[in-house]
């Protein structure tokens, strides 16, 4: 739209539509003293607007059989709903009202602060989830990417003390040029465009922050390479990894394939075959690649008995070294591509994930390729390119280790 908001719609024959708004504002945009603000706002806009109470919002969506949801990441906050396609107008209107006219009544936001504090405690009780936040704080030390999404009890108390704090933050960061209105389902594109213009077309592009983040982490050097916490857990929880390519990098697709070979979500990944199937040392081992707007990170996570930690770490390093030292055979590369093609096709059948991925791609790249188009880029990857990417990504200078003991 003229004010900078992007609109994307993908028609599908499904009677269920996913519609929402993705905002390029997350934990990364917070100052240390306001850590947790993006997530706090995500919660609080559900507590009522200046026209509808929290119960009225919930009943409006769930009364038509829909589901409304939201989530916060390091770089985005997303609000969306799954509804029958005939209800897109009502749904987008309610989401727009939540984002543009939230009430922030203190008696309601105080309740939500307590809910988030319980969420923090719940998170602290789950080492397999908490370790990802702590690993990001290690890899991105010195950057706002190191801050936890939920914030802390201290910062929550501060940011919830006055409604003005949250309102000012939204005004500064919920800018048109950082917003994507998205929809996927059996709805005519013209209808979505008209609805988006009606709800968001009046927003001004003047003032606020630019769409480009200024707090780059590319030149930051993390002071530590290893960190350990005493958590008194039965198992050792461990994570090894480092920084990786950002969204849109020429090597992003190659690394996506490489990560899938290493420890993606399949039982025949190299790490699973080595640590679990062959040695029986772990119940879970997985590798993850998370590209961000101008950086990213990869990591390997596993949990094992304390006496098996060194052996497990050695096996993880062995698999990383094999990918660096030994190019894939033509057969192995072909098999890896065949597997990934099937995984992408199956994943695309999940309408919710497909709609959210589409919105994120438009937010950062201005395009929303189908999975077939993405795969065509991936299948151009050669064994030599995979080996080059492995050597660049898995080198000792880019190796960080975090453990819970």
Protein backbone atom coordinates (compact mmCIF):
# COMPACT_ATOMS: atom_id res chain seq x y z
CA UNK A 1 0.00 0.00 0.00
CA UNK A 2 1.15 3.64 -0.32
CA UNK A 3 1.99 3.74 3.39
CA UNK A 4 4.35 0.77 3.10
CA UNK A 5 2.21 -2.08 4.43
CA UNK A 6 2.63 -5.26 2.39
CA UNK A 7 -0.37 -7.45 1.58
CA UNK A 8 -0.01 -11.05 0.49
CA UNK A 9 -2.71 -13.60 -0.31
CA UNK A 10 -2.41 -17.18 -1.51
CA UNK A 11 -5.54 -18.80 -2.84
CA UNK A 12 -6.20 -22.41 -1.84
CA UNK A 13 -9.39 -24.46 -2.25
CA UNK A 14 -9.63 -24.99 1.51
CA UNK A 15 -12.76 -23.59 3.21
CA UNK A 16 -10.53 -22.71 6.18
CA UNK A 17 -8.61 -19.45 5.89
CA UNK A 18 -5.63 -18.21 7.89
CA UNK A 19 -5.57 -14.45 8.15
CA UNK A 20 -3.47 -12.11 10.25
CA UNK A 21 -0.81 -9.46 10.59
CA UNK A 22 2.93 -10.00 11.04
CA UNK A 23 4.87 -7.08 12.51
CA UNK A 24 8.63 -6.81 12.20
CA UNK A 25 9.08 -5.94 15.86
CA UNK A 26 10.42 -8.35 18.44
CA UNK A 27 12.86 -8.84 21.28
CA UNK A 28 15.69 -7.53 19.14
CA UNK A 29 14.10 -4.08 19.14
CA UNK A 30 14.08 -3.78 22.94
CA UNK A 31 16.45 -1.89 25.18
CA UNK A 32 17.74 -3.96 28.13
CA UNK A 33 15.51 -2.16 30.64
CA UNK A 34 12.40 -2.92 28.54
CA UNK A 35 13.26 -6.56 27.83
CA UNK A 36 10.09 -8.58 27.33
CA UNK A 37 8.11 -5.64 25.93
CA UNK A 38 7.27 -7.23 22.54
CA UNK A 39 5.96 -10.39 24.23
CA UNK A 40 4.14 -8.37 26.91
CA UNK A 41 2.33 -6.38 24.21
CA UNK A 42 1.41 -9.59 22.39
CA UNK A 43 -0.38 -10.74 25.55
CA UNK A 44 -1.95 -7.42 26.48
CA UNK A 45 -3.67 -6.58 23.21
CA UNK A 46 -5.85 -9.66 23.81
CA UNK A 47 -7.03 -8.10 27.09
CA UNK A 48 -9.34 -5.68 25.36
CA UNK A 49 -9.55 -2.66 23.10
CA UNK A 50 -11.33 0.64 23.55
CA UNK A 51 -14.36 -0.96 21.87
CA UNK A 52 -14.35 -4.62 22.91
CA UNK A 53 -13.47 -6.51 26.08
CA UNK A 54 -11.20 -9.54 26.13
CA UNK A 55 -14.22 -11.84 26.43
CA UNK A 56 -15.96 -10.18 23.50
CA UNK A 57 -12.88 -10.65 21.29
CA UNK A 58 -12.55 -14.31 22.24
CA UNK A 59 -16.27 -15.01 21.82
CA UNK A 60 -16.36 -13.22 18.47
CA UNK A 61 -13.76 -15.58 17.00
CA UNK A 62 -14.48 -18.79 18.88
CA UNK A 63 -18.22 -18.24 18.52
CA UNK A 64 -17.82 -18.82 14.78
CA UNK A 65 -15.66 -21.88 15.39
CA UNK A 66 -12.40 -20.08 14.79
CA UNK A 67 -9.10 -20.04 16.65
CA UNK A 68 -7.13 -16.86 17.33
CA UNK A 69 -3.47 -16.95 18.26
CA UNK A 70 -0.27 -14.92 18.47
CA UNK A 71 3.45 -15.41 19.06
CA UNK A 72 6.62 -13.38 19.55
CA UNK A 73 10.10 -14.13 18.24
CA UNK A 74 13.39 -12.26 18.37
CA UNK A 75 12.36 -10.24 15.29
CA UNK A 76 8.59 -10.52 14.77
CA UNK A 77 5.25 -10.44 16.55
CA UNK A 78 2.39 -12.16 14.73
CA UNK A 79 -1.37 -12.12 15.29
CA UNK A 80 -3.57 -14.45 13.28
CA UNK A 81 -6.66 -16.63 13.26
CA UNK A 82 -7.97 -19.76 11.57
CA UNK A 83 -11.58 -19.31 10.52
CA UNK A 84 -14.03 -20.33 7.82
CA UNK A 85 -13.25 -18.19 4.78
CA UNK A 86 -16.62 -16.46 4.98
CA UNK A 87 -15.53 -14.75 8.23
CA UNK A 88 -12.33 -13.02 7.05
CA UNK A 89 -13.85 -9.54 7.25
CA UNK A 90 -14.87 -9.82 10.91
CA UNK A 91 -11.58 -11.46 11.85
CA UNK A 92 -9.28 -8.94 10.21
CA UNK A 93 -11.31 -6.09 11.71
CA UNK A 94 -10.84 -7.49 15.23
CA UNK A 95 -7.10 -8.07 14.72
CA UNK A 96 -6.72 -4.51 13.38
CA UNK A 97 -8.59 -3.15 16.38
CA UNK A 98 -6.32 -5.07 18.76
CA UNK A 99 -3.21 -3.67 17.12
CA UNK A 100 -4.36 -0.11 16.52
CA UNK A 101 -6.59 0.60 19.52
CA UNK A 102 -5.66 -1.57 22.53
CA UNK A 103 -7.00 -0.36 25.88
CA UNK A 104 -4.14 -1.39 28.19
CA UNK A 105 -6.39 -1.19 31.25
CA UNK A 106 -4.12 -1.64 34.24
CA UNK A 107 -6.36 -4.10 36.08
CA UNK A 108 -6.23 -6.34 33.01
CA UNK A 109 -2.54 -5.93 32.19
CA UNK A 110 -1.59 -6.61 35.83
CA UNK A 111 -3.30 -9.99 35.53
CA UNK A 112 -1.42 -10.68 32.31
CA UNK A 113 1.89 -9.75 33.94
CA UNK A 114 1.27 -12.52 36.49
CA UNK A 115 0.45 -14.94 33.67
CA UNK A 116 3.76 -14.12 31.95
CA UNK A 117 5.66 -14.55 35.22
CA UNK A 118 4.16 -18.04 35.50
CA UNK A 119 5.21 -18.61 31.90
CA UNK A 120 8.79 -17.65 32.80
CA UNK A 121 8.79 -20.12 35.71
CA UNK A 122 7.39 -22.83 33.46
CA UNK A 123 10.12 -22.10 30.92
CA UNK A 124 12.79 -22.29 33.64
CA UNK A 125 11.51 -25.75 34.51
CA UNK A 126 12.04 -26.96 30.93
CA UNK A 127 15.80 -27.18 30.21
CA UNK A 128 15.25 -28.49 26.67
CA UNK A 129 13.50 -25.19 25.82
CA UNK A 130 15.44 -22.78 28.04
CA UNK A 131 18.77 -23.88 26.60
CA UNK A 132 17.92 -22.25 23.25
CA UNK A 133 17.56 -18.83 24.90
CA UNK A 134 20.76 -19.27 26.85
CA UNK A 135 22.59 -20.40 23.73
CA UNK A 136 21.45 -17.30 21.84
CA UNK A 137 22.71 -15.17 24.74
CA UNK A 138 26.10 -16.85 24.31
CA UNK A 139 26.34 -16.60 20.52
CA UNK A 140 24.96 -13.05 20.31
CA UNK A 141 26.47 -11.62 23.49
CA UNK A 142 26.52 -7.83 23.37
CA UNK A 143 23.47 -7.64 21.10
CA UNK A 144 19.76 -7.34 21.87
CA UNK A 145 19.41 -10.75 20.19
CA UNK A 146 20.91 -12.11 23.40
CA UNK A 147 17.87 -10.97 25.42
CA UNK A 148 15.21 -13.57 26.36
CA UNK A 149 11.86 -13.21 24.59
CA UNK A 150 9.86 -13.43 27.83
CA UNK A 151 11.96 -10.82 29.62
CA UNK A 152 12.64 -11.09 33.36
CA UNK A 153 10.48 -10.51 36.41
CA UNK A 154 12.34 -7.26 37.04
CA UNK A 155 11.86 -5.85 33.54
CA UNK A 156 8.23 -7.03 33.47
CA UNK A 157 7.51 -5.12 36.64
CA UNK A 158 8.98 -2.00 35.05
CA UNK A 159 7.30 -2.14 31.64
CA UNK A 160 3.89 -2.98 33.12
CA UNK A 161 3.98 -0.17 35.70
CA UNK A 162 2.57 2.42 33.27
CA UNK A 163 0.40 1.86 30.16
CA UNK A 164 2.31 4.69 28.42
CA UNK A 165 5.42 2.53 28.15
CA UNK A 166 3.73 -0.15 26.01
CA UNK A 167 1.76 2.39 23.98
CA UNK A 168 4.90 4.39 23.16
CA UNK A 169 6.77 1.22 22.17
CA UNK A 170 3.97 0.16 19.84
CA UNK A 171 3.82 3.60 18.27
CA UNK A 172 7.56 3.50 17.59
CA UNK A 173 7.79 -0.08 16.31
CA UNK A 174 4.41 -1.06 14.86
CA UNK A 175 5.13 0.93 11.73
CA UNK A 176 3.41 0.39 8.35
CA UNK A 177 6.69 -0.43 6.61
CA UNK A 178 7.23 -3.23 9.13
CA UNK A 179 3.80 -4.82 8.69
CA UNK A 180 2.45 -7.60 6.48
CA UNK A 181 -1.26 -8.40 6.18
CA UNK A 182 -1.52 -12.03 5.07
CA UNK A 183 -4.21 -14.49 4.14
CA UNK A 184 -4.35 -18.02 2.77
CA UNK A 185 -7.57 -19.78 1.85
CA UNK A 186 -10.55 -19.83 -0.49
CA UNK A 187 -11.00 -16.06 -0.67
CA UNK A 188 -10.75 -13.77 -3.68
CA UNK A 189 -7.52 -11.70 -3.58
CA UNK A 190 -9.44 -8.50 -4.35
CA UNK A 191 -11.46 -8.95 -1.17
CA UNK A 192 -8.33 -9.25 1.00
CA UNK A 193 -6.74 -6.20 -0.59
CA UNK A 194 -9.87 -4.11 -0.01
CA UNK A 195 -10.20 -5.27 3.59
CA UNK A 196 -6.53 -4.53 4.30
CA UNK A 197 -6.85 -1.06 2.81
CA UNK A 198 -9.98 -0.40 4.84
CA UNK A 199 -8.39 -1.42 8.14
CA UNK A 200 -4.81 -0.20 7.69
CA UNK A 201 -4.76 2.22 4.76
CA UNK A 202 -5.16 5.26 7.01
CA UNK A 203 -1.92 4.59 8.92
CA UNK A 204 0.74 7.21 8.33
CA UNK A 205 4.23 6.28 7.23
CA UNK A 206 5.58 9.47 8.79
CA UNK A 207 7.76 9.35 11.91
CA UNK A 208 8.65 6.25 13.91
CA UNK A 209 11.52 3.96 13.05
CA UNK A 210 12.76 2.77 9.70
CA UNK A 211 12.17 -0.76 8.49
CA UNK A 212 15.91 -1.37 8.61
CA UNK A 213 17.37 -2.32 11.98
CA UNK A 214 20.50 -0.43 12.94
CA UNK A 215 21.77 -2.73 15.71
CA UNK A 216 23.77 -5.05 13.47
CA UNK A 217 25.51 -8.02 15.07
CA UNK A 218 27.77 -8.84 12.12
CA UNK A 219 30.81 -7.20 13.68
CA UNK A 220 30.25 -8.37 17.26
CA UNK A 221 32.63 -10.92 18.68
CA UNK A 222 31.20 -12.98 21.53
CA UNK A 223 33.64 -12.90 24.48
CA UNK A 224 33.02 -16.53 25.48
CA UNK A 225 33.15 -19.76 23.50
CA UNK A 226 31.97 -22.08 26.27
CA UNK A 227 29.52 -21.66 29.11
CA UNK A 228 28.09 -24.06 31.69
CA UNK A 229 25.25 -23.72 34.20
CA UNK A 230 24.53 -25.81 37.27
CA UNK A 231 20.89 -26.82 36.83
CA UNK A 232 20.97 -30.01 38.91
CA UNK A 233 19.22 -31.89 36.12
CA UNK A 234 19.36 -35.66 35.89
CA UNK A 235 20.89 -35.43 32.41
CA UNK A 236 23.47 -33.15 30.87
CA UNK A 237 21.74 -30.91 28.33
CA UNK A 238 24.17 -29.70 25.70
CA UNK A 239 24.21 -27.39 22.71
CA UNK A 240 26.97 -26.83 20.19
CA UNK A 241 26.72 -24.38 17.31
CA UNK A 242 27.53 -20.95 15.97
CA UNK A 243 26.40 -18.12 13.72
CA UNK A 244 24.95 -18.79 10.29
CA UNK A 245 23.69 -17.16 7.11
CA UNK A 246 20.84 -14.61 7.19
CA UNK A 247 17.57 -14.72 5.27
CA UNK A 248 18.21 -14.28 1.57
CA UNK A 249 21.93 -15.13 1.66
CA UNK A 250 23.23 -16.97 -1.39
CA UNK A 251 24.22 -19.91 0.83
CA UNK A 252 20.98 -20.09 2.82
CA UNK A 253 19.42 -22.89 0.78
CA UNK A 254 22.63 -24.94 0.75
CA UNK A 255 22.89 -24.68 4.52
CA UNK A 256 19.22 -25.63 4.86
CA UNK A 257 19.98 -28.86 3.00
CA UNK A 258 23.19 -29.40 4.97
CA UNK A 259 21.37 -29.04 8.28
CA UNK A 260 18.71 -31.51 7.16
CA UNK A 261 21.42 -34.07 6.40
CA UNK A 262 23.17 -33.42 9.70
CA UNK A 263 20.28 -33.57 12.15
CA UNK A 264 17.01 -32.36 10.67
CA UNK A 265 13.68 -33.78 11.72
CA UNK A 266 14.15 -37.32 10.48
CA UNK A 267 15.37 -40.53 12.05
CA UNK A 268 17.89 -41.16 9.27
CA UNK A 269 19.83 -37.94 9.97
CA UNK A 270 23.53 -38.49 10.57
CA UNK A 271 23.39 -37.38 14.20
CA UNK A 272 20.44 -39.61 15.05
CA UNK A 273 22.02 -42.64 13.41
CA UNK A 274 25.32 -42.04 15.19
CA UNK A 275 24.27 -41.05 18.71
CA UNK A 276 20.96 -42.88 19.11
CA UNK A 277 20.61 -45.76 16.68
CA UNK A 278 24.23 -46.90 16.72
CA UNK A 279 25.37 -46.05 20.27
CA UNK A 280 22.14 -45.65 22.26
CA UNK A 281 23.52 -42.60 24.08
CA UNK A 282 20.58 -40.22 23.68
CA UNK A 283 16.82 -40.16 23.32
CA UNK A 284 16.84 -36.88 21.36
CA UNK A 285 19.47 -35.26 19.18
CA UNK A 286 18.67 -32.62 16.59
CA UNK A 287 20.21 -29.77 14.66
CA UNK A 288 18.50 -26.48 13.90
CA UNK A 289 19.16 -23.63 11.50
CA UNK A 290 17.52 -20.28 12.31
CA UNK A 291 18.12 -17.55 9.72
CA UNK A 292 17.39 -13.98 10.86
CA UNK A 293 17.17 -10.71 8.94
CA UNK A 294 20.92 -10.01 8.90
CA UNK A 295 22.46 -12.97 10.72
CA UNK A 296 21.41 -16.39 11.99
CA UNK A 297 22.61 -19.36 13.97
CA UNK A 298 22.84 -23.13 13.84
CA UNK A 299 22.97 -25.51 16.77
CA UNK A 300 23.01 -29.17 17.73
CA UNK A 301 21.05 -30.10 20.86
CA UNK A 302 21.18 -33.36 22.81
CA UNK A 303 20.71 -34.66 26.35
CA UNK A 304 22.54 -37.62 27.83
CA UNK A 305 23.74 -39.20 31.07
CA UNK A 306 26.67 -37.26 32.58
CA UNK A 307 29.10 -40.13 32.02
CA UNK A 308 28.22 -40.14 28.29
CA UNK A 309 28.70 -36.41 27.66
CA UNK A 310 32.29 -36.46 26.40
CA UNK A 311 31.63 -39.44 24.15
CA UNK A 312 28.50 -37.79 22.74
CA UNK A 313 30.33 -34.52 22.14
CA UNK A 314 33.05 -36.42 20.31
CA UNK A 315 30.50 -38.12 18.05
CA UNK A 316 28.82 -34.78 17.26
CA UNK A 317 32.18 -33.30 16.30
CA UNK A 318 32.93 -36.39 14.18
CA UNK A 319 29.78 -35.83 12.12
CA UNK A 320 30.59 -32.15 11.65
CA UNK A 321 34.11 -33.01 10.55
CA UNK A 322 32.86 -35.61 8.05
CA UNK A 323 30.74 -32.97 6.36
CA UNK A 324 33.77 -30.67 6.24
CA UNK A 325 36.30 -33.27 5.07
CA UNK A 326 34.30 -35.62 2.84
CA UNK A 327 32.15 -34.40 -0.05
CA UNK A 328 28.86 -36.24 -0.47
CA UNK A 329 28.79 -38.91 -3.14
CA UNK A 330 26.46 -38.37 -6.07
CA UNK A 331 24.10 -41.01 -4.67
CA UNK A 332 24.09 -39.53 -1.15
CA UNK A 333 23.35 -36.04 -2.52
CA UNK A 334 20.55 -37.35 -4.73
CA UNK A 335 19.02 -39.22 -1.78
CA UNK A 336 19.24 -36.14 0.43
CA UNK A 337 17.47 -34.03 -2.20
CA UNK A 338 14.76 -36.66 -2.70
CA UNK A 339 14.11 -36.75 1.04
CA UNK A 340 13.98 -32.98 1.37
CA UNK A 341 11.63 -32.67 -1.59
CA UNK A 342 9.16 -34.97 0.11
CA UNK A 343 9.49 -33.17 3.44
CA UNK A 344 8.83 -29.78 1.84
CA UNK A 345 5.78 -31.09 -0.01
CA UNK A 346 4.31 -32.56 3.19
CA UNK A 347 5.09 -29.41 5.17
CA UNK A 348 3.32 -27.28 2.56
CA UNK A 349 0.11 -29.18 3.31
CA UNK A 350 0.07 -27.59 6.77
CA UNK A 351 -1.88 -24.43 5.96
CA UNK A 352 -0.99 -22.68 9.20
CA UNK A 353 2.77 -23.09 8.79
CA UNK A 354 2.51 -22.28 5.10
CA UNK A 355 0.68 -18.99 5.74
CA UNK A 356 3.13 -17.90 8.44
CA UNK A 357 6.16 -18.78 6.31
CA UNK A 358 4.64 -16.85 3.41
CA UNK A 359 4.18 -13.74 5.59
CA UNK A 360 7.74 -13.91 6.91
CA UNK A 361 9.18 -14.28 3.41
CA UNK A 362 7.26 -11.22 2.23
CA UNK A 363 8.29 -9.23 5.32
CA UNK A 364 12.02 -9.73 4.67
CA UNK A 365 12.32 -10.58 0.98
CA UNK A 366 9.25 -9.08 -0.64
CA UNK A 367 8.31 -12.38 -2.26
CA UNK A 368 6.48 -15.59 -1.37
CA UNK A 369 7.78 -18.48 -3.46
CA UNK A 370 5.95 -21.81 -3.51
CA UNK A 371 7.85 -24.77 -2.05
CA UNK A 372 8.52 -26.05 -5.59
CA UNK A 373 10.32 -22.81 -6.45
CA UNK A 374 12.42 -22.98 -3.28
CA UNK A 375 13.31 -26.59 -3.98
CA UNK A 376 14.45 -25.77 -7.51
CA UNK A 377 17.06 -23.49 -5.95
CA UNK A 378 18.08 -26.13 -3.42
CA UNK A 379 18.51 -28.89 -6.01
CA UNK A 380 21.13 -26.78 -7.78
CA UNK A 381 23.41 -27.31 -4.78
CA UNK A 382 26.51 -29.35 -5.52
CA UNK A 383 28.50 -31.60 -3.20
CA UNK A 384 31.37 -29.13 -3.47
CA UNK A 385 29.14 -26.23 -2.39
CA UNK A 386 27.88 -28.23 0.63
CA UNK A 387 31.47 -28.95 1.65
CA UNK A 388 32.43 -25.27 1.31
CA UNK A 389 29.45 -24.22 3.42
CA UNK A 390 30.28 -26.86 6.05
CA UNK A 391 33.87 -25.65 6.32
CA UNK A 392 32.78 -22.04 6.65
CA UNK A 393 30.01 -22.74 9.18
CA UNK A 394 31.46 -25.57 11.28
CA UNK A 395 34.95 -24.13 11.76
CA UNK A 396 36.53 -23.89 15.23
CA UNK A 397 36.29 -20.08 15.21
CA UNK A 398 32.50 -20.42 14.91
CA UNK A 399 32.03 -23.05 17.60
CA UNK A 400 30.18 -22.31 20.86
CA UNK A 401 29.27 -24.84 23.56
CA UNK A 402 26.65 -24.51 26.29
CA UNK A 403 25.86 -27.17 28.89
CA UNK A 404 23.41 -27.65 31.77
CA UNK A 405 24.74 -29.95 34.44
